[in-house]
N, C-alpha and C. Protein backbone atom coordinates (compact mmCIF):
# COMPACT_ATOMS: atom_id res chain seq x y z
N MET A 1 108.95 -7.81 -22.35
CA MET A 1 110.58 -8.10 -21.47
C MET A 1 110.31 -8.57 -20.20
N ARG A 2 109.25 -8.52 -19.36
CA ARG A 2 109.06 -8.84 -18.01
C ARG A 2 109.20 -10.58 -17.79
N GLU A 3 108.32 -10.78 -18.97
CA GLU A 3 107.97 -12.03 -18.75
C GLU A 3 109.13 -12.86 -19.47
N ASN A 4 109.56 -12.84 -20.49
CA ASN A 4 110.99 -13.21 -20.71
C ASN A 4 112.12 -13.21 -19.71
N ILE A 5 112.16 -12.12 -18.84
CA ILE A 5 113.35 -12.34 -17.89
C ILE A 5 112.57 -13.45 -16.85
N THR A 6 111.58 -13.30 -16.29
CA THR A 6 110.75 -14.31 -15.39
C THR A 6 111.13 -15.60 -16.00
N LYS A 7 110.78 -15.98 -17.14
CA LYS A 7 110.63 -17.28 -17.34
C LYS A 7 112.43 -17.77 -17.57
N PHE A 8 113.14 -16.91 -18.16
CA PHE A 8 114.77 -17.13 -17.92
C PHE A 8 115.19 -17.81 -16.69
N ILE A 9 114.94 -16.35 -15.49
CA ILE A 9 115.66 -17.00 -14.68
C ILE A 9 115.07 -18.31 -13.69
N GLU A 10 113.55 -18.39 -13.98
CA GLU A 10 112.86 -19.67 -13.50
C GLU A 10 113.36 -20.54 -13.98
N SER A 11 113.64 -20.87 -15.66
CA SER A 11 113.85 -22.30 -15.88
C SER A 11 115.36 -22.46 -16.25
N GLN A 12 116.22 -21.39 -16.12
CA GLN A 12 117.66 -21.39 -16.63
C GLN A 12 118.38 -20.94 -15.37
N LEU A 13 118.05 -20.22 -14.46
CA LEU A 13 118.70 -20.13 -13.27
C LEU A 13 118.32 -20.90 -12.02
N LEU A 14 117.02 -21.07 -11.85
CA LEU A 14 116.57 -21.97 -10.72
C LEU A 14 116.03 -23.33 -11.23
N GLY A 15 116.14 -23.51 -12.31
CA GLY A 15 115.93 -25.18 -13.00
C GLY A 15 114.55 -25.55 -12.47
N GLY A 16 113.77 -24.57 -12.90
CA GLY A 16 112.62 -24.86 -12.58
C GLY A 16 111.81 -25.08 -11.13
N LYS A 17 112.82 -24.89 -10.38
CA LYS A 17 112.36 -25.15 -8.56
C LYS A 17 111.98 -23.99 -8.10
N HIS A 18 111.59 -22.93 -8.54
CA HIS A 18 111.13 -21.84 -7.99
C HIS A 18 110.22 -20.87 -8.76
N VAL A 19 109.31 -20.50 -8.40
CA VAL A 19 108.71 -19.18 -9.09
C VAL A 19 108.77 -17.97 -8.44
N VAL A 20 108.83 -17.02 -9.23
CA VAL A 20 109.46 -15.97 -8.69
C VAL A 20 108.42 -14.79 -9.36
N ASN A 21 108.07 -13.74 -8.62
CA ASN A 21 107.65 -12.48 -9.37
C ASN A 21 108.29 -11.25 -9.26
N GLY A 22 107.38 -10.36 -9.37
CA GLY A 22 108.00 -8.90 -9.96
C GLY A 22 109.01 -8.60 -8.71
N ASP A 23 108.51 -8.95 -7.00
CA ASP A 23 109.34 -8.36 -6.28
C ASP A 23 110.15 -9.33 -5.53
N THR A 24 110.83 -10.40 -5.90
CA THR A 24 111.24 -11.83 -5.59
C THR A 24 112.66 -11.21 -5.40
N ASP A 25 113.20 -11.19 -4.09
CA ASP A 25 114.57 -10.71 -3.94
C ASP A 25 115.54 -12.10 -4.53
N LEU A 26 116.20 -11.49 -5.56
CA LEU A 26 117.11 -12.44 -6.26
C LEU A 26 118.26 -12.63 -5.47
N LEU A 27 119.06 -11.62 -5.10
CA LEU A 27 120.14 -11.97 -4.93
C LEU A 27 120.65 -11.81 -3.47
N ILE A 28 119.90 -10.99 -2.62
CA ILE A 28 120.04 -11.13 -1.04
C ILE A 28 119.47 -12.42 -0.63
N SER A 29 118.61 -13.27 -1.26
CA SER A 29 118.19 -14.38 -0.80
C SER A 29 119.23 -15.57 -1.09
N GLY A 30 119.71 -15.53 -2.37
CA GLY A 30 120.97 -16.22 -2.50
C GLY A 30 120.26 -17.25 -3.89
N LEU A 31 119.00 -16.90 -4.06
CA LEU A 31 118.80 -17.84 -5.37
C LEU A 31 119.13 -17.86 -6.53
N ILE A 32 120.01 -16.34 -6.97
CA ILE A 32 120.87 -16.34 -8.07
C ILE A 32 122.09 -15.83 -7.74
N ASP A 33 123.31 -16.25 -7.74
CA ASP A 33 124.69 -16.03 -7.61
C ASP A 33 125.18 -15.33 -8.41
N SER A 34 126.44 -14.74 -8.52
CA SER A 34 127.12 -13.99 -9.30
C SER A 34 127.80 -14.89 -11.18
N MET A 35 127.60 -15.89 -10.88
CA MET A 35 127.63 -16.52 -12.20
C MET A 35 126.08 -16.57 -12.75
N GLY A 36 125.16 -16.69 -11.70
CA GLY A 36 123.73 -16.51 -12.53
C GLY A 36 123.28 -15.01 -13.05
N VAL A 37 123.71 -14.17 -12.24
CA VAL A 37 123.87 -12.58 -12.97
C VAL A 37 124.59 -12.64 -14.11
N MET A 38 125.65 -12.91 -14.55
CA MET A 38 126.46 -13.05 -15.38
C MET A 38 125.72 -13.58 -16.75
N ARG A 39 125.14 -14.81 -16.46
CA ARG A 39 124.31 -15.50 -17.49
C ARG A 39 122.99 -14.69 -17.80
N LEU A 40 122.35 -14.05 -16.72
CA LEU A 40 121.32 -13.25 -16.81
C LEU A 40 121.63 -11.86 -17.76
N VAL A 41 122.77 -11.19 -17.60
CA VAL A 41 123.18 -10.50 -18.35
C VAL A 41 123.53 -10.80 -19.89
N GLY A 42 124.02 -12.05 -19.86
CA GLY A 42 124.36 -12.33 -21.22
C GLY A 42 122.80 -12.75 -22.13
N PHE A 43 121.98 -13.13 -21.25
CA PHE A 43 120.48 -13.00 -21.89
C PHE A 43 119.90 -11.88 -22.33
N ILE A 44 120.37 -10.90 -21.64
CA ILE A 44 119.39 -9.60 -21.97
C ILE A 44 120.16 -9.00 -23.08
N GLU A 45 121.59 -9.16 -22.92
CA GLU A 45 122.42 -8.37 -24.22
C GLU A 45 121.89 -9.51 -25.65
N GLU A 46 122.22 -10.30 -25.49
CA GLU A 46 121.55 -11.65 -26.93
C GLU A 46 120.09 -11.29 -26.96
N LYS A 47 119.46 -12.07 -26.17
CA LYS A 47 117.88 -12.00 -26.66
C LYS A 47 117.33 -10.93 -26.42
N LEU A 48 117.15 -10.01 -25.93
CA LEU A 48 116.49 -8.74 -25.55
C LEU A 48 117.19 -7.30 -26.22
N GLN A 49 118.39 -7.57 -26.64
CA GLN A 49 118.83 -6.47 -27.40
C GLN A 49 119.41 -5.33 -26.74
N HIS A 50 119.78 -5.64 -25.50
CA HIS A 50 120.04 -4.31 -24.43
C HIS A 50 121.44 -4.39 -24.11
N THR A 51 122.56 -3.65 -24.21
CA THR A 51 123.67 -3.57 -23.70
C THR A 51 123.76 -3.05 -22.23
N VAL A 52 124.34 -4.02 -21.27
CA VAL A 52 124.67 -3.81 -20.00
C VAL A 52 126.24 -3.62 -19.60
N PRO A 53 126.33 -2.07 -19.51
CA PRO A 53 127.83 -2.03 -19.24
C PRO A 53 128.01 -2.74 -17.81
N ALA A 54 129.32 -3.33 -17.60
CA ALA A 54 129.66 -3.93 -16.38
C ALA A 54 129.50 -2.98 -15.05
N GLU A 55 129.54 -1.86 -15.21
CA GLU A 55 129.24 -0.87 -13.74
C GLU A 55 128.02 -0.85 -13.81
N ASP A 56 127.03 -1.26 -14.54
CA ASP A 56 125.53 -1.35 -14.21
C ASP A 56 125.04 -2.41 -13.34
N VAL A 57 125.99 -3.44 -13.61
CA VAL A 57 125.35 -4.93 -12.81
C VAL A 57 125.89 -4.46 -11.51
N THR A 58 124.58 -4.33 -10.70
CA THR A 58 124.89 -4.02 -9.19
C THR A 58 123.51 -4.36 -8.75
N LEU A 59 123.66 -4.53 -7.36
CA LEU A 59 122.33 -4.79 -6.68
C LEU A 59 121.41 -4.44 -6.66
N GLU A 60 121.73 -3.01 -7.05
CA GLU A 60 120.49 -1.87 -7.11
C GLU A 60 119.74 -1.87 -8.39
N HIS A 61 120.22 -2.45 -9.59
CA HIS A 61 119.86 -2.63 -10.62
C HIS A 61 119.14 -4.30 -10.74
N PHE A 62 119.59 -5.06 -10.14
CA PHE A 62 119.25 -6.45 -10.42
C PHE A 62 118.69 -7.42 -9.07
N ALA A 63 118.52 -6.63 -8.39
CA ALA A 63 117.74 -6.74 -7.21
C ALA A 63 116.53 -8.14 -7.33
N THR A 64 115.53 -7.57 -8.04
CA THR A 64 114.31 -8.19 -8.32
C THR A 64 114.02 -7.68 -10.12
N VAL A 65 113.18 -8.53 -10.69
CA VAL A 65 112.76 -8.74 -11.71
C VAL A 65 112.11 -7.52 -11.91
N ASP A 66 111.45 -6.66 -11.00
CA ASP A 66 111.01 -5.18 -11.18
C ASP A 66 111.96 -4.11 -11.45
N THR A 67 113.24 -4.83 -10.55
CA THR A 67 114.15 -3.63 -10.54
C THR A 67 114.88 -3.80 -11.99
N ILE A 68 115.10 -4.97 -12.30
CA ILE A 68 115.64 -5.17 -13.79
C ILE A 68 115.03 -4.43 -14.88
N CYS A 69 114.08 -4.71 -14.70
CA CYS A 69 113.22 -4.14 -16.00
C CYS A 69 112.78 -2.44 -16.16
N SER A 70 113.08 -1.93 -14.92
CA SER A 70 113.09 -0.72 -14.50
C SER A 70 114.27 0.15 -15.18
N TYR A 71 115.32 -0.83 -14.59
CA TYR A 71 116.67 -0.10 -15.07
C TYR A 71 116.64 -0.47 -16.71
N LEU A 72 116.45 -1.64 -17.29
CA LEU A 72 116.39 -1.53 -18.82
C LEU A 72 115.37 -0.58 -19.64
N GLU A 73 114.31 -0.24 -19.05
CA GLU A 73 113.26 0.59 -19.79
C GLU A 73 113.97 2.49 -19.49
N SER A 74 114.88 2.32 -18.53
CA SER A 74 115.38 3.63 -18.50
C SER A 74 116.63 3.95 -19.35
N ARG A 75 117.23 2.81 -20.05
CA ARG A 75 118.42 3.01 -20.73
C ARG A 75 117.73 3.63 -22.05
């Protein structure tokens, strides 16, 4: 899961211009904007088969790849 999310972020959201690791700040740094988060949620729901309710799309859950994976594993 972690590898799929990382690859999606790097290739689809960052256009291959940045490399991210588990603790790279995605939102506060401005690497990903709100539209990027929505694309990421769509990817997670479609490809990884995890439902993400709108109320769960928060800075706390989507700040880094690590927090995304922790959130998904806890569901």
